[in-house]
């Protein structure tokens, strides 16, 4: 089934039509800047424009940088504070004129990998990690999503969220070499392994493309796999989520 998937991020909003049987993009990927300020109404207007740019009128899957419970945004992530308590699925549906299914962005990326990518043959407890500005996580038990588990928000060495220490923004902000940052990231993986005892990690997000530069730092005693879908994982996972909701 071909479904429109949308990935809302702090800096950009990406979208494409996805073949949910294969994960293949059936259209060009389109990207627009996230509006500033990123209020609910401002983003809803952009979502309506994005949907209107496709010849499409079916269900839409959308992944979002927030804790999402039944379409409700519980947190604001790196967006405007007014997202806390906003019923995102209703807002977007009314703006675009299509039914929306909303999922946390890291959960969507993980769903794409577990259904169609690097996690297809993996059993037990699998944690997908998206290494971007922060550290997103998707947790799957025997292939079933346990939603909204934010491993990157665990306290770090100084009490702040651990993603402030080991995310890619921290690497850039402190101008760290890949080796120095890799040791920080390994510390995050080891802490996550201690808390969750996973059988596998899958690494995705922008910094996963540079894995060869810090692979020598990864000493966690859990098998580590690289994601298949890269920056398209959120779009693909969002479309899969809408496909599930339409069944």
C-alpha atoms as a PDB file:
ATOM      1  CA  UNK A   1       0.000   0.000   0.000  1.00  0.00           C
ATOM      2  CA  UNK A   2       1.312   3.468  -0.864  1.00  0.00           C
ATOM      3  CA  UNK A   3       1.030   5.880   2.082  1.00  0.00           C
ATOM      4  CA  UNK A   4       2.339   9.392   2.629  1.00  0.00           C
ATOM      5  CA  UNK A   5       4.866   9.569   5.455  1.00  0.00           C
ATOM      6  CA  UNK A   6       5.952  12.832   7.077  1.00  0.00           C
ATOM      7  CA  UNK A   7       8.920  13.334   9.418  1.00  0.00           C
ATOM      8  CA  UNK A   8       8.699  16.507  11.529  1.00  0.00           C
ATOM      9  CA  UNK A   9      12.034  17.645  12.937  1.00  0.00           C
ATOM     10  CA  UNK A  10      13.337  20.691  14.724  1.00  0.00           C
ATOM     11  CA  UNK A  11      14.949  22.113  11.576  1.00  0.00           C
ATOM     12  CA  UNK A  12      13.109  20.436   8.707  1.00  0.00           C
ATOM     13  CA  UNK A  13       9.926  18.620   7.685  1.00  0.00           C
ATOM     14  CA  UNK A  14      10.445  15.774   5.195  1.00  0.00           C
ATOM     15  CA  UNK A  15       7.841  13.767   3.312  1.00  0.00           C
ATOM     16  CA  UNK A  16       7.463  11.084   0.652  1.00  0.00           C
ATOM     17  CA  UNK A  17       4.977   8.463  -0.485  1.00  0.00           C
ATOM     18  CA  UNK A  18       6.107   5.049   0.732  1.00  0.00           C
ATOM     19  CA  UNK A  19       5.421   1.524  -0.441  1.00  0.00           C
ATOM     20  CA  UNK A  20       4.703  -0.016   2.959  1.00  0.00           C
ATOM     21  CA  UNK A  21       5.424  -3.541   1.702  1.00  0.00           C
ATOM     22  CA  UNK A  22       9.034  -2.771   0.773  1.00  0.00           C
ATOM     23  CA  UNK A  23       9.913   0.592   2.311  1.00  0.00           C
ATOM     24  CA  UNK A  24      10.684   1.982  -1.140  1.00  0.00           C
ATOM     25  CA  UNK A  25       9.927   5.660  -1.705  1.00  0.00           C
ATOM     26  CA  UNK A  26       7.337   5.998  -4.448  1.00  0.00           C
ATOM     27  CA  UNK A  27       7.906   9.727  -4.879  1.00  0.00           C
ATOM     28  CA  UNK A  28      10.711  12.225  -4.567  1.00  0.00           C
ATOM     29  CA  UNK A  29      11.461  13.158  -0.980  1.00  0.00           C
ATOM     30  CA  UNK A  30      10.422  16.721  -0.270  1.00  0.00           C
ATOM     31  CA  UNK A  31      11.795  18.907   2.488  1.00  0.00           C
ATOM     32  CA  UNK A  32      10.759  22.300   3.854  1.00  0.00           C
ATOM     33  CA  UNK A  33      12.165  24.221   6.784  1.00  0.00           C
ATOM     34  CA  UNK A  34      10.397  23.901  10.106  1.00  0.00           C
ATOM     35  CA  UNK A  35       8.812  27.294  10.797  1.00  0.00           C
ATOM     36  CA  UNK A  36      10.178  29.537  13.506  1.00  0.00           C
ATOM     37  CA  UNK A  37       8.619  29.842  15.973  1.00  0.00           C
ATOM     38  CA  UNK A  38       7.501  26.213  15.675  1.00  0.00           C
ATOM     39  CA  UNK A  39       4.047  26.688  17.178  1.00  0.00           C
ATOM     40  CA  UNK A  40       1.281  24.134  16.578  1.00  0.00           C
ATOM     41  CA  UNK A  41      -0.615  26.408  14.189  1.00  0.00           C
ATOM     42  CA  UNK A  42       2.530  27.294  12.221  1.00  0.00           C
ATOM     43  CA  UNK A  43       3.552  23.667  11.755  1.00  0.00           C
ATOM     44  CA  UNK A  44      -0.036  22.650  10.909  1.00  0.00           C
ATOM     45  CA  UNK A  45      -0.030  25.211   8.085  1.00  0.00           C
ATOM     46  CA  UNK A  46       3.210  23.750   6.701  1.00  0.00           C
ATOM     47  CA  UNK A  47       1.859  20.191   7.025  1.00  0.00           C
ATOM     48  CA  UNK A  48      -1.194  21.195   4.992  1.00  0.00           C
ATOM     49  CA  UNK A  49       1.062  22.660   2.288  1.00  0.00           C
ATOM     50  CA  UNK A  50       3.230  19.529   2.236  1.00  0.00           C
ATOM     51  CA  UNK A  51       0.236  17.197   1.891  1.00  0.00           C
ATOM     52  CA  UNK A  52      -1.199  19.451  -0.817  1.00  0.00           C
ATOM     53  CA  UNK A  53       2.021  19.202  -2.831  1.00  0.00           C
ATOM     54  CA  UNK A  54       1.386  15.481  -3.398  1.00  0.00           C
ATOM     55  CA  UNK A  55      -1.400  14.001  -5.526  1.00  0.00           C
ATOM     56  CA  UNK A  56      -2.642  12.137  -2.471  1.00  0.00           C
ATOM     57  CA  UNK A  57      -5.794  12.002  -0.343  1.00  0.00           C
ATOM     58  CA  UNK A  58      -5.395   8.887   1.833  1.00  0.00           C
ATOM     59  CA  UNK A  59      -4.223   8.330   5.409  1.00  0.00           C
ATOM     60  CA  UNK A  60      -1.026  10.081   6.465  1.00  0.00           C
ATOM     61  CA  UNK A  61       1.600   8.842   8.885  1.00  0.00           C
ATOM     62  CA  UNK A  62       3.571  11.469  10.759  1.00  0.00           C
ATOM     63  CA  UNK A  63       6.482  11.034  13.165  1.00  0.00           C
ATOM     64  CA  UNK A  64       7.069  13.759  15.675  1.00  0.00           C
ATOM     65  CA  UNK A  65       9.805  14.719  18.199  1.00  0.00           C
ATOM     66  CA  UNK A  66       7.612  14.277  21.262  1.00  0.00           C
ATOM     67  CA  UNK A  67       6.194  11.666  23.584  1.00  0.00           C
ATOM     68  CA  UNK A  68       3.002  10.713  21.724  1.00  0.00           C
ATOM     69  CA  UNK A  69       0.062   9.014  23.454  1.00  0.00           C
ATOM     70  CA  UNK A  70      -3.042   8.375  21.331  1.00  0.00           C
ATOM     71  CA  UNK A  71      -2.122  11.243  19.016  1.00  0.00           C
ATOM     72  CA  UNK A  72      -1.537  13.667  21.915  1.00  0.00           C
ATOM     73  CA  UNK A  73       1.826  15.436  22.179  1.00  0.00           C
ATOM     74  CA  UNK A  74       2.856  15.117  25.824  1.00  0.00           C
ATOM     75  CA  UNK A  75       6.190  16.953  25.495  1.00  0.00           C
ATOM     76  CA  UNK A  76       7.610  19.705  23.288  1.00  0.00           C
ATOM     77  CA  UNK A  77      10.972  18.169  22.407  1.00  0.00           C
ATOM     78  CA  UNK A  78      12.954  20.812  20.525  1.00  0.00           C
ATOM     79  CA  UNK A  79       9.792  22.531  19.284  1.00  0.00           C
ATOM     80  CA  UNK A  80       7.672  25.333  20.758  1.00  0.00           C
ATOM     81  CA  UNK A  81       6.442  24.813  24.323  1.00  0.00           C
ATOM     82  CA  UNK A  82       2.820  25.036  23.159  1.00  0.00           C
ATOM     83  CA  UNK A  83       3.102  21.500  21.799  1.00  0.00           C
ATOM     84  CA  UNK A  84       2.706  20.150  25.317  1.00  0.00           C
ATOM     85  CA  UNK A  85      -0.884  18.926  25.518  1.00  0.00           C
ATOM     86  CA  UNK A  86      -1.692  19.454  21.821  1.00  0.00           C
ATOM     87  CA  UNK A  87      -3.795  16.791  20.095  1.00  0.00           C
ATOM     88  CA  UNK A  88      -1.509  16.592  17.073  1.00  0.00           C
ATOM     89  CA  UNK A  89      -3.511  14.078  15.040  1.00  0.00           C
ATOM     90  CA  UNK A  90      -6.683  16.174  15.195  1.00  0.00           C
ATOM     91  CA  UNK A  91      -4.802  19.419  14.466  1.00  0.00           C
ATOM     92  CA  UNK A  92      -3.072  18.008  11.380  1.00  0.00           C
ATOM     93  CA  UNK A  93      -6.166  16.165  10.130  1.00  0.00           C
ATOM     94  CA  UNK A  94      -8.237  19.330  10.243  1.00  0.00           C
ATOM     95  CA  UNK A  95      -5.493  21.372   8.561  1.00  0.00           C
ATOM     96  CA  UNK A  96      -4.759  18.914   5.742  1.00  0.00           C
ATOM     97  CA  UNK A  97      -8.145  17.239   5.273  1.00  0.00           C
ATOM     98  CA  UNK A  98      -6.704  13.720   5.658  1.00  0.00           C
ATOM     99  CA  UNK A  99      -6.694  11.282   8.587  1.00  0.00           C
ATOM    100  CA  UNK A 100      -3.383  11.374  10.480  1.00  0.00           C
ATOM    101  CA  UNK A 101      -1.655   8.735  12.596  1.00  0.00           C
ATOM    102  CA  UNK A 102       1.081  10.204  14.824  1.00  0.00           C
ATOM    103  CA  UNK A 103       4.085   8.390  16.319  1.00  0.00           C
ATOM    104  CA  UNK A 104       7.240   9.423  18.170  1.00  0.00           C
ATOM    105  CA  UNK A 105      10.072  10.024  15.697  1.00  0.00           C
ATOM    106  CA  UNK A 106      12.564   7.545  17.179  1.00  0.00           C
ATOM    107  CA  UNK A 107       9.827   4.915  17.463  1.00  0.00           C
ATOM    108  CA  UNK A 108       9.029   5.443  13.771  1.00  0.00           C
ATOM    109  CA  UNK A 109      12.659   5.023  12.719  1.00  0.00           C
ATOM    110  CA  UNK A 110      12.878   1.868  14.806  1.00  0.00           C
ATOM    111  CA  UNK A 111       9.654   0.512  13.328  1.00  0.00           C
ATOM    112  CA  UNK A 112      11.062   0.882   9.818  1.00  0.00           C
ATOM    113  CA  UNK A 113      14.201  -1.019  10.752  1.00  0.00           C
ATOM    114  CA  UNK A 114      12.388  -3.777  12.643  1.00  0.00           C
ATOM    115  CA  UNK A 115       9.791  -4.387   9.942  1.00  0.00           C
ATOM    116  CA  UNK A 116      11.852  -3.957   6.790  1.00  0.00           C
ATOM    117  CA  UNK A 117      15.467  -3.226   7.659  1.00  0.00           C
ATOM    118  CA  UNK A 118      18.325  -4.290   9.909  1.00  0.00           C
ATOM    119  CA  UNK A 119      16.054  -5.687  12.632  1.00  0.00           C
ATOM    120  CA  UNK A 120      13.940  -8.093  10.569  1.00  0.00           C
ATOM    121  CA  UNK A 121      15.752 -11.238  11.745  1.00  0.00           C
ATOM    122  CA  UNK A 122      16.540 -10.059  15.290  1.00  0.00           C
ATOM    123  CA  UNK A 123      14.762 -11.586  18.283  1.00  0.00           C
ATOM    124  CA  UNK A 124      14.402 -10.642  21.931  1.00  0.00           C
ATOM    125  CA  UNK A 125      14.802  -7.081  23.194  1.00  0.00           C
ATOM    126  CA  UNK A 126      16.098  -4.780  20.454  1.00  0.00           C
ATOM    127  CA  UNK A 127      16.865  -1.095  21.000  1.00  0.00           C
ATOM    128  CA  UNK A 128      17.234   1.186  18.002  1.00  0.00           C
ATOM    129  CA  UNK A 129      19.242   4.352  18.617  1.00  0.00           C
ATOM    130  CA  UNK A 130      19.025   7.415  16.378  1.00  0.00           C
ATOM    131  CA  UNK A 131      22.169   9.491  16.769  1.00  0.00           C
ATOM    132  CA  UNK A 132      21.304  13.026  15.794  1.00  0.00           C
ATOM    133  CA  UNK A 133      21.114  16.291  17.687  1.00  0.00           C
ATOM    134  CA  UNK A 134      20.184  14.134  20.679  1.00  0.00           C
ATOM    135  CA  UNK A 135      19.802  10.406  21.160  1.00  0.00           C
ATOM    136  CA  UNK A 136      16.450   8.899  20.218  1.00  0.00           C
ATOM    137  CA  UNK A 137      15.519   5.327  21.083  1.00  0.00           C
ATOM    138  CA  UNK A 138      12.968   2.760  19.994  1.00  0.00           C
ATOM    139  CA  UNK A 139      12.436  -0.348  22.129  1.00  0.00           C
ATOM    140  CA  UNK A 140      11.052  -3.583  20.672  1.00  0.00           C
ATOM    141  CA  UNK A 141      10.314  -6.849  22.461  1.00  0.00           C
ATOM    142  CA  UNK A 142      10.009  -9.757  20.037  1.00  0.00           C
ATOM    143  CA  UNK A 143       9.221  -7.239  17.305  1.00  0.00           C
ATOM    144  CA  UNK A 144       6.516  -5.386  19.260  1.00  0.00           C
ATOM    145  CA  UNK A 145       7.056  -1.687  19.940  1.00  0.00           C
ATOM    146  CA  UNK A 146       7.187  -0.478  23.545  1.00  0.00           C
ATOM    147  CA  UNK A 147       6.486   3.208  22.796  1.00  0.00           C
ATOM    148  CA  UNK A 148       8.001   6.427  24.098  1.00  0.00           C
ATOM    149  CA  UNK A 149      11.071   4.987  25.844  1.00  0.00           C
ATOM    150  CA  UNK A 150      13.532   7.878  25.798  1.00  0.00           C
ATOM    151  CA  UNK A 151      16.905   6.422  26.757  1.00  0.00           C
ATOM    152  CA  UNK A 152      18.601   9.687  25.821  1.00  0.00           C
ATOM    153  CA  UNK A 153      16.783  11.407  28.691  1.00  0.00           C
ATOM    154  CA  UNK A 154      18.401   9.216  31.351  1.00  0.00           C
ATOM    155  CA  UNK A 155      20.587  11.298  33.692  1.00  0.00           C
ATOM    156  CA  UNK A 156      24.173  11.604  32.571  1.00  0.00           C
ATOM    157  CA  UNK A 157      27.345  12.137  34.570  1.00  0.00           C
ATOM    158  CA  UNK A 158      26.391  15.693  35.565  1.00  0.00           C
ATOM    159  CA  UNK A 159      22.687  15.008  36.106  1.00  0.00           C
ATOM    160  CA  UNK A 160      21.586  16.513  32.781  1.00  0.00           C
ATOM    161  CA  UNK A 161      20.003  14.244  30.158  1.00  0.00           C
ATOM    162  CA  UNK A 162      22.650  11.900  28.814  1.00  0.00           C
ATOM    163  CA  UNK A 163      22.042  13.060  25.237  1.00  0.00           C
ATOM    164  CA  UNK A 164      23.490  16.444  26.231  1.00  0.00           C
ATOM    165  CA  UNK A 165      26.768  14.582  26.842  1.00  0.00           C
ATOM    166  CA  UNK A 166      26.747  11.889  24.152  1.00  0.00           C
ATOM    167  CA  UNK A 167      24.553  13.181  21.325  1.00  0.00           C
ATOM    168  CA  UNK A 168      25.960  14.516  18.061  1.00  0.00           C
ATOM    169  CA  UNK A 169      25.247  18.112  19.070  1.00  0.00           C
ATOM    170  CA  UNK A 170      27.518  17.572  22.085  1.00  0.00           C
ATOM    171  CA  UNK A 171      30.278  16.333  19.773  1.00  0.00           C
ATOM    172  CA  UNK A 172      29.999  19.404  17.579  1.00  0.00           C
ATOM    173  CA  UNK A 173      29.587  21.864  20.442  1.00  0.00           C
ATOM    174  CA  UNK A 174      32.719  20.606  22.235  1.00  0.00           C
ATOM    175  CA  UNK A 175      34.586  20.107  18.923  1.00  0.00           C
ATOM    176  CA  UNK A 176      35.387  16.532  19.915  1.00  0.00           C
ATOM    177  CA  UNK A 177      37.302  14.087  17.758  1.00  0.00           C
ATOM    178  CA  UNK A 178      35.349  11.001  16.717  1.00  0.00           C
ATOM    179  CA  UNK A 179      37.452   8.970  19.142  1.00  0.00           C
ATOM    180  CA  UNK A 180      36.740  11.209  22.140  1.00  0.00           C
ATOM    181  CA  UNK A 181      33.061  11.386  21.279  1.00  0.00           C
ATOM    182  CA  UNK A 182      32.962   7.641  20.576  1.00  0.00           C
ATOM    183  CA  UNK A 183      34.023   6.959  24.160  1.00  0.00           C
ATOM    184  CA  UNK A 184      31.131   9.101  25.367  1.00  0.00           C
ATOM    185  CA  UNK A 185      28.722   7.280  23.084  1.00  0.00           C
ATOM    186  CA  UNK A 186      30.000   3.913  24.271  1.00  0.00           C
ATOM    187  CA  UNK A 187      29.358   5.052  27.855  1.00  0.00           C
ATOM    188  CA  UNK A 188      25.768   5.805  26.843  1.00  0.00           C
ATOM    189  CA  UNK A 189      25.390   2.357  25.254  1.00  0.00           C
ATOM    190  CA  UNK A 190      26.835   0.653  28.330  1.00  0.00           C
ATOM    191  CA  UNK A 191      24.490   2.587  30.622  1.00  0.00           C
ATOM    192  CA  UNK A 192      21.527   1.714  28.405  1.00  0.00           C
ATOM    193  CA  UNK A 193      22.588  -1.933  28.382  1.00  0.00           C
ATOM    194  CA  UNK A 194      22.811  -1.920  32.187  1.00  0.00           C
ATOM    195  CA  UNK A 195      19.274  -0.518  32.519  1.00  0.00           C
ATOM    196  CA  UNK A 196      17.479  -2.483  29.762  1.00  0.00           C
ATOM    197  CA  UNK A 197      19.658  -5.601  29.147  1.00  0.00           C
ATOM    198  CA  UNK A 198      18.952  -5.632  25.386  1.00  0.00           C
ATOM    199  CA  UNK A 199      19.864  -8.466  23.051  1.00  0.00           C
ATOM    200  CA  UNK A 200      20.757  -6.097  20.200  1.00  0.00           C
ATOM    201  CA  UNK A 201      21.383  -2.440  19.382  1.00  0.00           C
ATOM    202  CA  UNK A 202      20.647  -0.932  15.958  1.00  0.00           C
ATOM    203  CA  UNK A 203      22.351   2.411  15.267  1.00  0.00           C
ATOM    204  CA  UNK A 204      20.793   4.931  12.898  1.00  0.00           C
ATOM    205  CA  UNK A 205      20.660   8.686  12.457  1.00  0.00           C
ATOM    206  CA  UNK A 206      23.234  11.008  10.922  1.00  0.00           C
ATOM    207  CA  UNK A 207      26.266  10.003  13.001  1.00  0.00           C
ATOM    208  CA  UNK A 208      25.756   6.313  12.241  1.00  0.00           C
ATOM    209  CA  UNK A 209      27.106   7.046   8.747  1.00  0.00           C
ATOM    210  CA  UNK A 210      30.496   7.742  10.342  1.00  0.00           C
ATOM    211  CA  UNK A 211      30.543   4.526  12.376  1.00  0.00           C
ATOM    212  CA  UNK A 212      33.923   3.534  10.961  1.00  0.00           C
ATOM    213  CA  UNK A 213      35.438   6.578  12.672  1.00  0.00           C
ATOM    214  CA  UNK A 214      34.413   5.512  16.190  1.00  0.00           C
ATOM    215  CA  UNK A 215      33.741   1.794  15.891  1.00  0.00           C
ATOM    216  CA  UNK A 216      37.010   1.100  17.732  1.00  0.00           C
ATOM    217  CA  UNK A 217      35.549   2.847  20.802  1.00  0.00           C
ATOM    218  CA  UNK A 218      32.443   0.656  21.026  1.00  0.00           C
ATOM    219  CA  UNK A 219      33.080  -1.927  23.724  1.00  0.00           C
ATOM    220  CA  UNK A 220      29.537  -2.565  24.952  1.00  0.00           C
ATOM    221  CA  UNK A 221      28.919  -6.306  25.255  1.00  0.00           C
ATOM    222  CA  UNK A 222      25.793  -6.282  23.107  1.00  0.00           C
ATOM    223  CA  UNK A 223      25.754  -6.939  19.327  1.00  0.00           C
ATOM    224  CA  UNK A 224      25.628  -3.654  17.397  1.00  0.00           C
ATOM    225  CA  UNK A 225      24.059  -3.416  13.928  1.00  0.00           C
ATOM    226  CA  UNK A 226      23.847  -0.476  11.510  1.00  0.00           C
ATOM    227  CA  UNK A 227      20.447   0.729  10.308  1.00  0.00           C
ATOM    228  CA  UNK A 228      19.438   0.284   6.676  1.00  0.00           C
ATOM    229  CA  UNK A 229      17.230   3.254   5.904  1.00  0.00           C
ATOM    230  CA  UNK A 230      19.290   6.222   7.096  1.00  0.00           C
ATOM    231  CA  UNK A 231      17.529   9.573   7.063  1.00  0.00           C
ATOM    232  CA  UNK A 232      14.456   8.063   5.389  1.00  0.00           C
ATOM    233  CA  UNK A 233      13.686   5.798   8.357  1.00  0.00           C
ATOM    234  CA  UNK A 234      11.317   8.270  10.009  1.00  0.00           C
ATOM    235  CA  UNK A 235       9.289   8.776   6.833  1.00  0.00           C
ATOM    236  CA  UNK A 236       9.072   5.030   6.230  1.00  0.00           C
ATOM    237  CA  UNK A 237       8.178   4.214   9.831  1.00  0.00           C
ATOM    238  CA  UNK A 238       5.500   6.922   9.892  1.00  0.00           C
ATOM    239  CA  UNK A 239       3.901   5.425   6.778  1.00  0.00           C
ATOM    240  CA  UNK A 240       3.994   1.962   8.363  1.00  0.00           C
ATOM    241  CA  UNK A 241       2.307   3.365  11.472  1.00  0.00           C
ATOM    242  CA  UNK A 242      -0.510   4.838   9.374  1.00  0.00           C
ATOM    243  CA  UNK A 243      -0.834   1.538   7.527  1.00  0.00           C
ATOM    244  CA  UNK A 244      -1.308  -0.210  10.881  1.00  0.00           C
ATOM    245  CA  UNK A 245      -3.907   2.336  11.961  1.00  0.00           C
ATOM    246  CA  UNK A 246      -5.848   1.895   8.710  1.00  0.00           C
ATOM    247  CA  UNK A 247      -6.174  -1.891   9.139  1.00  0.00           C
END
